[in-house]
């Protein structure tokens, strides 16, 4: 499955992203942790897995990472502007580790802007704990069994705070479980994406 490289102006900076899969359907916007970039999702086969299943996969380089310029805009405001510029229907938003600083304040203040949320041990859960109940879309928490940075109790708190939450623990997984077992990670992501694609009754 082919992917293409693009640049877009978001909050006054040139932001880079990788794109794969058909347009017009459900999109999955993939953020990344502090040690990674958009290319990570190519390396793990996640872009290919999503595109092959009929989803439009968008892996973005966050400001100051990969090929994206630095930004002085706050992380949630930058994400808000990026989504506006991409002009896509509300996507599934995937946020690992550091990118929780972008995703969590954004989705707790504007939950209608996403179709689903995949939390991969994101930073900042405790800061938005009181607002998690505002997330009405499905939530998937994916944690590594051996994560030493973000405790599993944060994952349990998240799924218990939202209306439709599910927890998946990757055996022997680290803080970045998609690197330890990408096949299992991608499988769980596709199961979740399919559930988010079901029309609301």
N, C-alpha and C. Protein backbone atom coordinates (compact mmCIF):
# COMPACT_ATOMS: atom_id res chain seq x y z
N UNK A 1 0.85 -1.19 0.00
CA UNK A 1 0.00 0.00 0.00
C UNK A 1 0.89 1.25 0.00
N UNK A 2 0.64 2.14 -0.96
CA UNK A 2 1.46 3.33 -1.09
C UNK A 2 1.06 4.40 -0.07
N UNK A 3 2.02 5.25 0.26
CA UNK A 3 1.72 6.42 1.08
C UNK A 3 2.43 7.61 0.46
N UNK A 4 1.96 8.81 0.79
CA UNK A 4 2.54 10.02 0.23
C UNK A 4 2.89 10.99 1.34
N UNK A 5 3.85 11.87 1.04
CA UNK A 5 4.34 12.85 2.00
C UNK A 5 3.77 14.22 1.65
N UNK A 6 3.29 14.95 2.66
CA UNK A 6 2.64 16.25 2.42
C UNK A 6 3.06 17.27 3.47
N UNK A 7 2.90 18.54 3.10
CA UNK A 7 3.09 19.64 4.04
C UNK A 7 1.82 20.48 4.06
N UNK A 8 1.50 21.01 5.23
CA UNK A 8 0.31 21.83 5.40
C UNK A 8 0.64 22.95 6.37
N UNK A 9 0.05 24.12 6.16
CA UNK A 9 0.27 25.24 7.07
C UNK A 9 -0.71 25.14 8.22
N UNK A 10 -0.19 24.93 9.42
CA UNK A 10 -1.04 24.81 10.61
C UNK A 10 -0.51 25.76 11.68
N UNK A 11 -1.31 26.74 12.03
CA UNK A 11 -0.93 27.73 13.04
C UNK A 11 0.36 28.45 12.67
N UNK A 12 0.52 28.73 11.38
CA UNK A 12 1.65 29.52 10.93
C UNK A 12 2.94 28.76 10.71
N UNK A 13 2.92 27.44 10.85
CA UNK A 13 4.12 26.66 10.59
C UNK A 13 3.85 25.62 9.50
N UNK A 14 4.92 25.17 8.87
CA UNK A 14 4.82 24.07 7.92
C UNK A 14 4.85 22.76 8.69
N UNK A 15 3.75 22.04 8.61
CA UNK A 15 3.65 20.75 9.30
C UNK A 15 3.66 19.63 8.27
N UNK A 16 4.39 18.57 8.57
CA UNK A 16 4.55 17.45 7.65
C UNK A 16 3.70 16.28 8.11
N UNK A 17 3.13 15.56 7.14
CA UNK A 17 2.41 14.34 7.48
C UNK A 17 2.50 13.32 6.35
N UNK A 18 2.33 12.07 6.73
CA UNK A 18 2.27 10.97 5.78
C UNK A 18 0.81 10.55 5.62
N UNK A 19 0.43 10.25 4.40
CA UNK A 19 -0.97 9.95 4.09
C UNK A 19 -1.05 8.64 3.33
N UNK A 20 -2.00 7.80 3.74
CA UNK A 20 -2.21 6.54 3.05
C UNK A 20 -3.68 6.16 3.14
N UNK A 21 -4.17 5.48 2.15
CA UNK A 21 -5.55 5.01 2.18
C UNK A 21 -6.51 5.94 1.48
N UNK A 22 -7.74 5.47 1.25
CA UNK A 22 -8.73 6.21 0.48
C UNK A 22 -9.31 7.40 1.24
N UNK A 23 -9.57 8.47 0.52
CA UNK A 23 -10.22 9.64 1.11
C UNK A 23 -11.73 9.42 1.14
N UNK A 24 -12.40 10.18 1.98
CA UNK A 24 -13.86 10.15 1.99
C UNK A 24 -14.47 9.31 3.08
N UNK A 25 -13.72 8.35 3.60
CA UNK A 25 -14.24 7.52 4.67
C UNK A 25 -13.74 7.99 6.02
N UNK A 26 -13.72 7.08 6.95
CA UNK A 26 -13.23 7.39 8.30
C UNK A 26 -11.71 7.54 8.28
N UNK A 27 -11.22 8.62 8.87
CA UNK A 27 -9.79 8.86 8.95
C UNK A 27 -9.27 8.51 10.34
N UNK A 28 -7.99 8.17 10.40
CA UNK A 28 -7.32 7.93 11.67
C UNK A 28 -6.11 8.86 11.70
N UNK A 29 -6.10 9.78 12.66
CA UNK A 29 -5.00 10.73 12.81
C UNK A 29 -4.04 10.21 13.87
N UNK A 30 -2.81 9.94 13.45
CA UNK A 30 -1.82 9.31 14.31
C UNK A 30 -0.80 10.35 14.79
N UNK A 31 -0.79 10.60 16.09
CA UNK A 31 0.23 11.46 16.69
C UNK A 31 1.39 10.55 17.14
N UNK A 32 2.37 11.08 17.84
CA UNK A 32 3.52 10.25 18.22
C UNK A 32 4.13 10.74 19.53
N UNK A 33 4.97 9.90 20.10
CA UNK A 33 5.66 10.22 21.34
C UNK A 33 6.94 11.00 21.10
N UNK A 34 7.61 11.39 22.19
CA UNK A 34 8.76 12.29 22.11
C UNK A 34 9.98 11.67 21.43
N UNK A 35 10.07 10.35 21.38
CA UNK A 35 11.21 9.69 20.75
C UNK A 35 10.91 9.24 19.32
N UNK A 36 9.77 9.66 18.79
CA UNK A 36 9.31 9.12 17.51
C UNK A 36 8.86 10.23 16.57
N UNK A 37 8.29 9.85 15.44
CA UNK A 37 7.79 10.80 14.44
C UNK A 37 6.75 10.09 13.59
N UNK A 38 6.29 10.77 12.55
CA UNK A 38 5.30 10.16 11.65
C UNK A 38 5.82 8.87 11.03
N UNK A 39 7.11 8.81 10.75
CA UNK A 39 7.70 7.64 10.11
C UNK A 39 7.54 6.38 10.97
N UNK A 40 7.41 6.56 12.27
CA UNK A 40 7.21 5.43 13.19
C UNK A 40 6.05 4.56 12.72
N UNK A 41 4.96 5.21 12.29
CA UNK A 41 3.75 4.47 11.92
C UNK A 41 3.89 3.78 10.57
N UNK A 42 4.88 4.19 9.79
CA UNK A 42 5.25 3.44 8.59
C UNK A 42 6.05 2.20 9.00
N UNK A 43 6.99 2.40 9.93
CA UNK A 43 7.86 1.31 10.36
C UNK A 43 7.08 0.19 11.05
N UNK A 44 6.03 0.53 11.78
CA UNK A 44 5.25 -0.49 12.50
C UNK A 44 4.19 -1.15 11.63
N UNK A 45 4.05 -0.67 10.39
CA UNK A 45 3.04 -1.23 9.50
C UNK A 45 1.65 -0.71 9.77
N UNK A 46 1.52 0.28 10.66
CA UNK A 46 0.21 0.79 11.04
C UNK A 46 -0.46 1.54 9.89
N UNK A 47 0.31 2.35 9.17
CA UNK A 47 -0.25 3.05 8.02
C UNK A 47 -0.79 2.06 6.99
N UNK A 48 -0.01 1.04 6.70
CA UNK A 48 -0.42 0.04 5.71
C UNK A 48 -1.64 -0.74 6.18
N UNK A 49 -1.65 -1.11 7.47
CA UNK A 49 -2.78 -1.89 8.01
C UNK A 49 -4.07 -1.10 7.92
N UNK A 50 -4.02 0.18 8.29
CA UNK A 50 -5.23 1.01 8.24
C UNK A 50 -5.70 1.23 6.81
N UNK A 51 -4.75 1.57 5.92
CA UNK A 51 -5.11 1.82 4.53
C UNK A 51 -5.68 0.57 3.86
N UNK A 52 -5.10 -0.58 4.15
CA UNK A 52 -5.57 -1.83 3.56
C UNK A 52 -6.97 -2.19 4.02
N UNK A 53 -7.33 -1.69 5.20
CA UNK A 53 -8.67 -1.95 5.73
C UNK A 53 -9.68 -0.89 5.30
N UNK A 54 -9.23 0.07 4.48
CA UNK A 54 -10.16 1.06 3.93
C UNK A 54 -10.21 2.38 4.66
N UNK A 55 -9.30 2.60 5.59
CA UNK A 55 -9.27 3.87 6.34
C UNK A 55 -8.23 4.81 5.74
N UNK A 56 -8.47 6.09 5.89
CA UNK A 56 -7.46 7.07 5.52
C UNK A 56 -6.58 7.32 6.74
N UNK A 57 -5.31 6.96 6.64
CA UNK A 57 -4.39 7.10 7.76
C UNK A 57 -3.53 8.34 7.56
N UNK A 58 -3.48 9.18 8.58
CA UNK A 58 -2.72 10.43 8.53
C UNK A 58 -1.77 10.43 9.72
N UNK A 59 -0.47 10.30 9.45
CA UNK A 59 0.53 10.32 10.51
C UNK A 59 1.26 11.65 10.46
N UNK A 60 1.12 12.43 11.50
CA UNK A 60 1.65 13.80 11.49
C UNK A 60 2.93 13.90 12.31
N UNK A 61 3.86 14.74 11.84
CA UNK A 61 5.01 15.12 12.64
C UNK A 61 4.57 16.30 13.51
N UNK A 62 4.59 16.14 14.82
CA UNK A 62 4.23 17.22 15.71
C UNK A 62 5.26 18.35 15.61
N UNK A 63 4.91 19.57 16.02
CA UNK A 63 5.83 20.70 15.90
C UNK A 63 7.20 20.42 16.53
N UNK A 64 8.24 20.67 15.73
CA UNK A 64 9.59 20.45 16.22
C UNK A 64 10.10 19.03 16.07
N UNK A 65 9.29 18.18 15.49
CA UNK A 65 9.68 16.77 15.28
C UNK A 65 9.64 16.45 13.79
N UNK A 66 10.44 15.45 13.40
CA UNK A 66 10.43 15.04 12.00
C UNK A 66 10.70 16.21 11.08
N UNK A 67 9.79 16.45 10.15
CA UNK A 67 9.96 17.53 9.18
C UNK A 67 9.07 18.74 9.47
N UNK A 68 8.45 18.77 10.65
CA UNK A 68 7.60 19.91 11.01
C UNK A 68 8.38 20.98 11.75
N UNK A 69 8.04 22.24 11.50
CA UNK A 69 8.70 23.35 12.17
C UNK A 69 8.22 23.49 13.61
N UNK A 70 9.00 24.21 14.41
CA UNK A 70 8.61 24.52 15.78
C UNK A 70 7.40 25.45 15.78
N UNK A 71 6.60 25.39 16.83
CA UNK A 71 5.45 26.27 16.96
C UNK A 71 5.39 26.87 18.36
N UNK A 72 4.95 28.13 18.43
CA UNK A 72 4.78 28.77 19.73
C UNK A 72 3.34 28.66 20.23
N UNK A 73 2.48 28.05 19.43
CA UNK A 73 1.07 27.88 19.80
C UNK A 73 0.95 26.73 20.79
N UNK A 74 0.01 26.82 21.72
CA UNK A 74 -0.17 25.75 22.70
C UNK A 74 -0.53 24.44 21.99
N UNK A 75 -0.11 23.29 22.54
CA UNK A 75 -0.37 22.01 21.86
C UNK A 75 -1.84 21.77 21.48
N UNK A 76 -2.82 21.95 22.38
CA UNK A 76 -4.20 21.68 21.96
C UNK A 76 -4.71 22.66 20.90
N UNK A 77 -4.26 23.93 20.96
CA UNK A 77 -4.67 24.89 19.94
C UNK A 77 -4.06 24.53 18.59
N UNK A 78 -2.81 24.05 18.61
CA UNK A 78 -2.18 23.64 17.35
C UNK A 78 -2.93 22.47 16.73
N UNK A 79 -3.30 21.49 17.56
CA UNK A 79 -4.04 20.33 17.05
C UNK A 79 -5.39 20.77 16.48
N UNK A 80 -6.03 21.70 17.15
CA UNK A 80 -7.30 22.24 16.68
C UNK A 80 -7.14 22.85 15.28
N UNK A 81 -6.09 23.65 15.10
CA UNK A 81 -5.85 24.29 13.81
C UNK A 81 -5.45 23.28 12.74
N UNK A 82 -4.69 22.26 13.12
CA UNK A 82 -4.33 21.22 12.17
C UNK A 82 -5.57 20.52 11.63
N UNK A 83 -6.46 20.14 12.52
CA UNK A 83 -7.69 19.45 12.09
C UNK A 83 -8.52 20.35 11.18
N UNK A 84 -8.54 21.62 11.51
CA UNK A 84 -9.29 22.56 10.67
C UNK A 84 -8.70 22.61 9.26
N UNK A 85 -7.37 22.65 9.16
CA UNK A 85 -6.71 22.74 7.86
C UNK A 85 -6.82 21.44 7.06
N UNK A 86 -6.84 20.30 7.74
CA UNK A 86 -6.93 19.02 7.04
C UNK A 86 -8.28 18.82 6.38
N UNK A 87 -9.30 19.48 6.91
CA UNK A 87 -10.65 19.43 6.33
C UNK A 87 -11.15 18.00 6.16
N UNK A 88 -11.08 17.23 7.23
CA UNK A 88 -11.59 15.85 7.22
C UNK A 88 -12.74 15.73 8.20
N UNK A 89 -13.55 14.71 8.01
CA UNK A 89 -14.60 14.42 8.97
C UNK A 89 -13.95 14.07 10.31
N UNK A 90 -14.69 14.19 11.42
CA UNK A 90 -14.08 13.84 12.72
C UNK A 90 -13.36 12.49 12.66
N UNK A 91 -12.06 12.48 12.94
CA UNK A 91 -11.27 11.25 12.82
C UNK A 91 -11.19 10.49 14.14
N UNK A 92 -10.71 9.27 14.05
CA UNK A 92 -10.20 8.60 15.25
C UNK A 92 -8.85 9.24 15.55
N UNK A 93 -8.64 9.62 16.79
CA UNK A 93 -7.39 10.27 17.18
C UNK A 93 -6.58 9.32 18.04
N UNK A 94 -5.34 9.05 17.63
CA UNK A 94 -4.46 8.16 18.38
C UNK A 94 -3.33 8.99 18.99
N UNK A 95 -3.18 8.90 20.30
CA UNK A 95 -2.19 9.73 20.99
C UNK A 95 -1.36 8.89 21.96
N UNK A 96 -0.09 8.67 21.64
CA UNK A 96 0.81 8.00 22.57
C UNK A 96 1.62 9.02 23.38
N UNK A 97 1.91 8.66 24.60
CA UNK A 97 2.89 9.35 25.44
C UNK A 97 2.76 10.88 25.39
N UNK A 98 3.83 11.57 25.00
CA UNK A 98 3.89 13.02 25.01
C UNK A 98 2.73 13.68 24.25
N UNK A 99 2.22 13.04 23.21
CA UNK A 99 1.17 13.66 22.41
C UNK A 99 -0.15 13.77 23.17
N UNK A 100 -0.22 13.16 24.36
CA UNK A 100 -1.38 13.37 25.21
C UNK A 100 -1.54 14.83 25.58
N UNK A 101 -0.43 15.59 25.59
CA UNK A 101 -0.49 17.02 25.89
C UNK A 101 -1.22 17.78 24.80
N UNK A 102 -1.25 17.23 23.58
CA UNK A 102 -2.03 17.78 22.48
C UNK A 102 -3.47 17.28 22.54
N UNK A 103 -3.60 15.97 22.65
CA UNK A 103 -4.91 15.34 22.47
C UNK A 103 -5.86 15.53 23.64
N UNK A 104 -5.38 15.32 24.86
CA UNK A 104 -6.30 15.28 26.00
C UNK A 104 -7.01 16.61 26.27
N UNK A 105 -6.31 17.75 26.31
CA UNK A 105 -7.04 19.01 26.51
C UNK A 105 -7.98 19.31 25.34
N UNK A 106 -7.59 18.88 24.14
CA UNK A 106 -8.42 19.14 22.95
C UNK A 106 -9.71 18.35 22.99
N UNK A 107 -9.61 17.04 23.23
CA UNK A 107 -10.83 16.22 23.13
C UNK A 107 -11.75 16.38 24.35
N UNK A 108 -11.21 16.78 25.49
CA UNK A 108 -12.10 17.00 26.64
C UNK A 108 -12.84 18.33 26.52
N UNK A 109 -12.32 19.26 25.69
CA UNK A 109 -13.02 20.53 25.49
C UNK A 109 -13.87 20.52 24.22
N UNK A 110 -13.48 19.67 23.25
CA UNK A 110 -14.23 19.59 21.99
C UNK A 110 -14.44 18.13 21.58
N UNK A 111 -15.14 17.36 22.40
CA UNK A 111 -15.28 15.92 22.12
C UNK A 111 -15.99 15.62 20.81
N UNK A 112 -16.76 16.59 20.30
CA UNK A 112 -17.49 16.36 19.05
C UNK A 112 -16.57 16.37 17.83
N UNK A 113 -15.31 16.75 18.02
CA UNK A 113 -14.38 16.86 16.90
C UNK A 113 -13.73 15.53 16.54
N UNK A 114 -13.96 14.47 17.31
CA UNK A 114 -13.36 13.18 17.01
C UNK A 114 -14.43 12.09 16.97
N UNK A 115 -14.08 10.98 16.30
CA UNK A 115 -14.99 9.84 16.18
C UNK A 115 -14.61 8.73 17.16
N UNK A 116 -13.41 8.81 17.70
CA UNK A 116 -12.93 7.80 18.63
C UNK A 116 -11.56 8.24 19.13
N UNK A 117 -11.14 7.68 20.27
CA UNK A 117 -9.86 8.06 20.86
C UNK A 117 -9.08 6.82 21.26
N UNK A 118 -7.85 6.73 20.76
CA UNK A 118 -6.95 5.65 21.14
C UNK A 118 -5.85 6.25 22.00
N UNK A 119 -5.85 5.90 23.27
CA UNK A 119 -4.88 6.42 24.23
C UNK A 119 -3.80 5.37 24.45
N UNK A 120 -2.57 5.71 24.05
CA UNK A 120 -1.45 4.77 24.23
C UNK A 120 -0.54 5.34 25.32
N UNK A 121 -0.91 5.09 26.55
CA UNK A 121 -0.19 5.62 27.71
C UNK A 121 0.13 7.10 27.56
N UNK A 122 -0.90 7.95 27.31
CA UNK A 122 -0.64 9.36 27.08
C UNK A 122 -0.30 10.11 28.37
N UNK A 123 0.54 11.12 28.22
CA UNK A 123 0.87 12.01 29.33
C UNK A 123 -0.29 12.98 29.56
N UNK A 124 -0.57 13.28 30.81
CA UNK A 124 -1.54 14.32 31.12
C UNK A 124 -2.92 13.86 31.52
N UNK A 125 -3.11 12.56 31.70
CA UNK A 125 -4.45 12.07 32.06
C UNK A 125 -4.95 12.63 33.38
N UNK A 126 -4.06 12.69 34.37
CA UNK A 126 -4.50 13.17 35.68
C UNK A 126 -4.96 14.63 35.62
N UNK A 127 -4.35 15.42 34.73
CA UNK A 127 -4.70 16.84 34.63
C UNK A 127 -6.11 17.06 34.11
N UNK A 128 -6.62 16.11 33.31
CA UNK A 128 -7.96 16.27 32.74
C UNK A 128 -8.94 15.27 33.33
N UNK A 129 -8.56 14.69 34.45
CA UNK A 129 -9.38 13.63 35.05
C UNK A 129 -10.84 14.04 35.23
N UNK A 130 -11.06 15.25 35.69
CA UNK A 130 -12.42 15.71 35.97
C UNK A 130 -13.23 15.92 34.70
N UNK A 131 -12.55 16.05 33.55
CA UNK A 131 -13.26 16.31 32.30
C UNK A 131 -13.43 15.06 31.42
N UNK A 132 -12.88 13.93 31.83
CA UNK A 132 -12.91 12.74 30.98
C UNK A 132 -14.33 12.27 30.68
N UNK A 133 -15.24 12.51 31.59
CA UNK A 133 -16.62 12.09 31.38
C UNK A 133 -17.29 12.78 30.22
N UNK A 134 -16.69 13.85 29.72
CA UNK A 134 -17.26 14.57 28.58
C UNK A 134 -16.99 13.86 27.25
N UNK A 135 -16.10 12.88 27.28
CA UNK A 135 -15.79 12.14 26.06
C UNK A 135 -16.88 11.10 25.81
N UNK A 136 -17.68 11.32 24.78
CA UNK A 136 -18.82 10.43 24.51
C UNK A 136 -18.51 9.37 23.46
N UNK A 137 -17.42 9.56 22.73
CA UNK A 137 -17.06 8.60 21.67
C UNK A 137 -16.34 7.40 22.28
N UNK A 138 -16.23 6.30 21.53
CA UNK A 138 -15.50 5.13 22.04
C UNK A 138 -14.04 5.46 22.34
N UNK A 139 -13.52 4.84 23.39
CA UNK A 139 -12.13 5.05 23.81
C UNK A 139 -11.45 3.69 23.96
N UNK A 140 -10.28 3.57 23.36
CA UNK A 140 -9.45 2.38 23.52
C UNK A 140 -8.16 2.79 24.21
N UNK A 141 -7.87 2.19 25.34
CA UNK A 141 -6.61 2.42 26.04
C UNK A 141 -5.70 1.22 25.78
N UNK A 142 -4.54 1.47 25.19
CA UNK A 142 -3.56 0.40 24.93
C UNK A 142 -2.31 0.69 25.75
N UNK A 143 -1.98 -0.22 26.64
CA UNK A 143 -0.84 -0.05 27.54
C UNK A 143 0.12 -1.23 27.40
N UNK A 144 1.39 -0.98 27.57
CA UNK A 144 2.35 -2.06 27.67
C UNK A 144 2.37 -2.62 29.08
N UNK A 145 2.42 -3.92 29.18
CA UNK A 145 2.40 -4.57 30.50
C UNK A 145 3.56 -4.08 31.38
N UNK A 146 4.68 -3.74 30.76
CA UNK A 146 5.87 -3.34 31.52
C UNK A 146 6.17 -1.85 31.38
N UNK A 147 5.13 -1.05 31.16
CA UNK A 147 5.29 0.40 31.08
C UNK A 147 5.76 0.92 32.44
N UNK A 148 6.90 1.60 32.46
CA UNK A 148 7.45 2.12 33.71
C UNK A 148 7.21 3.62 33.86
N UNK A 149 6.59 4.26 32.86
CA UNK A 149 6.40 5.71 32.89
C UNK A 149 4.98 6.13 33.27
N UNK A 150 3.99 5.51 32.65
CA UNK A 150 2.59 5.84 32.93
C UNK A 150 1.93 4.60 33.53
N UNK A 151 1.49 4.67 34.78
CA UNK A 151 0.97 3.47 35.45
C UNK A 151 -0.32 2.94 34.82
N UNK A 152 -0.51 1.64 34.95
CA UNK A 152 -1.72 1.01 34.43
C UNK A 152 -2.97 1.56 35.12
N UNK A 153 -2.80 2.07 36.33
CA UNK A 153 -3.95 2.66 37.03
C UNK A 153 -4.51 3.87 36.27
N UNK A 154 -3.66 4.56 35.51
CA UNK A 154 -4.15 5.67 34.68
C UNK A 154 -5.06 5.14 33.58
N UNK A 155 -4.69 4.00 33.00
CA UNK A 155 -5.52 3.39 31.96
C UNK A 155 -6.88 2.98 32.52
N UNK A 156 -6.86 2.38 33.70
CA UNK A 156 -8.10 1.94 34.33
C UNK A 156 -8.98 3.14 34.67
N UNK A 157 -8.36 4.21 35.15
CA UNK A 157 -9.10 5.42 35.46
C UNK A 157 -9.76 5.99 34.21
N UNK A 158 -9.03 5.97 33.10
CA UNK A 158 -9.56 6.49 31.85
C UNK A 158 -10.77 5.70 31.38
N UNK A 159 -10.64 4.38 31.27
CA UNK A 159 -11.75 3.59 30.73
C UNK A 159 -12.96 3.58 31.66
N UNK A 160 -12.74 3.78 32.96
CA UNK A 160 -13.84 3.83 33.90
C UNK A 160 -14.51 5.19 33.95
N UNK A 161 -13.84 6.20 33.38
CA UNK A 161 -14.37 7.57 33.42
C UNK A 161 -15.21 7.91 32.19
N UNK A 162 -15.04 7.14 31.11
CA UNK A 162 -15.76 7.43 29.88
C UNK A 162 -16.92 6.47 29.70
N UNK A 163 -17.80 6.79 28.79
CA UNK A 163 -19.01 5.99 28.60
C UNK A 163 -18.74 4.65 27.91
N UNK A 164 -17.79 4.69 26.95
CA UNK A 164 -17.49 3.48 26.18
C UNK A 164 -15.98 3.28 26.12
N UNK A 165 -15.44 2.69 27.16
CA UNK A 165 -14.00 2.51 27.24
C UNK A 165 -13.60 1.05 27.30
N UNK A 166 -12.46 0.72 26.69
CA UNK A 166 -11.94 -0.65 26.72
C UNK A 166 -10.42 -0.58 26.89
N UNK A 167 -9.89 -1.50 27.67
CA UNK A 167 -8.45 -1.54 27.94
C UNK A 167 -7.83 -2.79 27.32
N UNK A 168 -6.72 -2.59 26.64
CA UNK A 168 -5.92 -3.69 26.09
C UNK A 168 -4.50 -3.55 26.64
N UNK A 169 -4.00 -4.61 27.23
CA UNK A 169 -2.63 -4.62 27.74
C UNK A 169 -1.79 -5.53 26.86
N UNK A 170 -0.71 -4.98 26.30
CA UNK A 170 0.18 -5.76 25.43
C UNK A 170 1.19 -6.50 26.32
N UNK A 171 1.16 -7.83 26.32
CA UNK A 171 2.10 -8.60 27.15
C UNK A 171 3.56 -8.22 26.88
N UNK A 172 4.30 -8.00 27.94
CA UNK A 172 5.73 -7.64 27.87
C UNK A 172 5.97 -6.33 27.12
N UNK A 173 4.92 -5.56 26.91
CA UNK A 173 5.06 -4.30 26.18
C UNK A 173 5.66 -3.21 27.05
N UNK A 174 6.39 -2.30 26.41
CA UNK A 174 7.01 -1.17 27.09
C UNK A 174 6.07 0.03 27.06
N UNK A 175 6.63 1.22 27.32
CA UNK A 175 5.84 2.45 27.22
C UNK A 175 5.40 2.69 25.77
N UNK A 176 6.10 2.08 24.82
CA UNK A 176 5.74 2.17 23.41
C UNK A 176 5.40 0.76 22.90
N UNK A 177 4.25 0.22 23.28
CA UNK A 177 3.93 -1.19 22.97
C UNK A 177 3.80 -1.46 21.48
N UNK A 178 3.57 -0.43 20.69
CA UNK A 178 3.48 -0.60 19.23
C UNK A 178 4.83 -0.99 18.63
N UNK A 179 5.91 -0.72 19.37
CA UNK A 179 7.23 -1.13 18.91
C UNK A 179 7.54 -2.58 19.31
N UNK A 180 6.97 -3.03 20.44
CA UNK A 180 7.24 -4.38 20.93
C UNK A 180 6.46 -5.45 20.17
N UNK A 181 5.19 -5.13 19.87
CA UNK A 181 4.33 -6.10 19.19
C UNK A 181 3.41 -5.36 18.22
N UNK A 182 3.98 -4.84 17.12
CA UNK A 182 3.18 -4.06 16.18
C UNK A 182 2.01 -4.83 15.58
N UNK A 183 2.18 -6.13 15.40
CA UNK A 183 1.10 -6.92 14.81
C UNK A 183 -0.12 -6.94 15.73
N UNK A 184 0.10 -7.17 17.01
CA UNK A 184 -1.01 -7.17 17.97
C UNK A 184 -1.59 -5.76 18.09
N UNK A 185 -0.73 -4.77 18.14
CA UNK A 185 -1.18 -3.38 18.25
C UNK A 185 -2.08 -3.02 17.08
N UNK A 186 -1.62 -3.31 15.86
CA UNK A 186 -2.40 -2.97 14.67
C UNK A 186 -3.73 -3.73 14.63
N UNK A 187 -3.71 -4.97 15.08
CA UNK A 187 -4.94 -5.77 15.11
C UNK A 187 -5.97 -5.13 16.03
N UNK A 188 -5.53 -4.72 17.22
CA UNK A 188 -6.45 -4.09 18.18
C UNK A 188 -6.96 -2.75 17.64
N UNK A 189 -6.10 -2.03 16.96
CA UNK A 189 -6.50 -0.75 16.39
C UNK A 189 -7.57 -0.94 15.32
N UNK A 190 -7.42 -1.95 14.49
CA UNK A 190 -8.40 -2.21 13.43
C UNK A 190 -9.74 -2.66 14.01
N UNK A 191 -9.71 -3.46 15.06
CA UNK A 191 -10.95 -3.87 15.72
C UNK A 191 -11.69 -2.64 16.26
N UNK A 192 -10.92 -1.75 16.87
CA UNK A 192 -11.51 -0.53 17.42
C UNK A 192 -12.06 0.38 16.31
N UNK A 193 -11.29 0.54 15.25
CA UNK A 193 -11.73 1.39 14.15
C UNK A 193 -13.03 0.88 13.53
N UNK A 194 -13.15 -0.43 13.43
CA UNK A 194 -14.38 -1.02 12.89
C UNK A 194 -15.57 -0.69 13.78
N UNK A 195 -15.36 -0.72 15.09
CA UNK A 195 -16.43 -0.40 16.03
C UNK A 195 -16.83 1.07 15.91
N UNK A 196 -15.86 1.93 15.66
CA UNK A 196 -16.15 3.36 15.50
C UNK A 196 -16.87 3.66 14.18
N UNK A 197 -16.77 2.72 13.24
CA UNK A 197 -17.39 2.92 11.92
C UNK A 197 -18.86 2.56 11.92
N UNK A 198 -19.32 1.88 12.94
CA UNK A 198 -20.72 1.47 13.01
C UNK A 198 -21.60 2.70 13.19
N UNK A 199 -22.60 2.91 12.33
CA UNK A 199 -23.47 4.08 12.47
C UNK A 199 -24.15 4.13 13.84
N UNK A 200 -24.29 5.34 14.36
CA UNK A 200 -24.96 5.52 15.65
C UNK A 200 -26.46 5.30 15.48
N UNK A 201 -27.03 4.60 16.44
CA UNK A 201 -28.47 4.32 16.38
C UNK A 201 -29.24 5.52 16.90
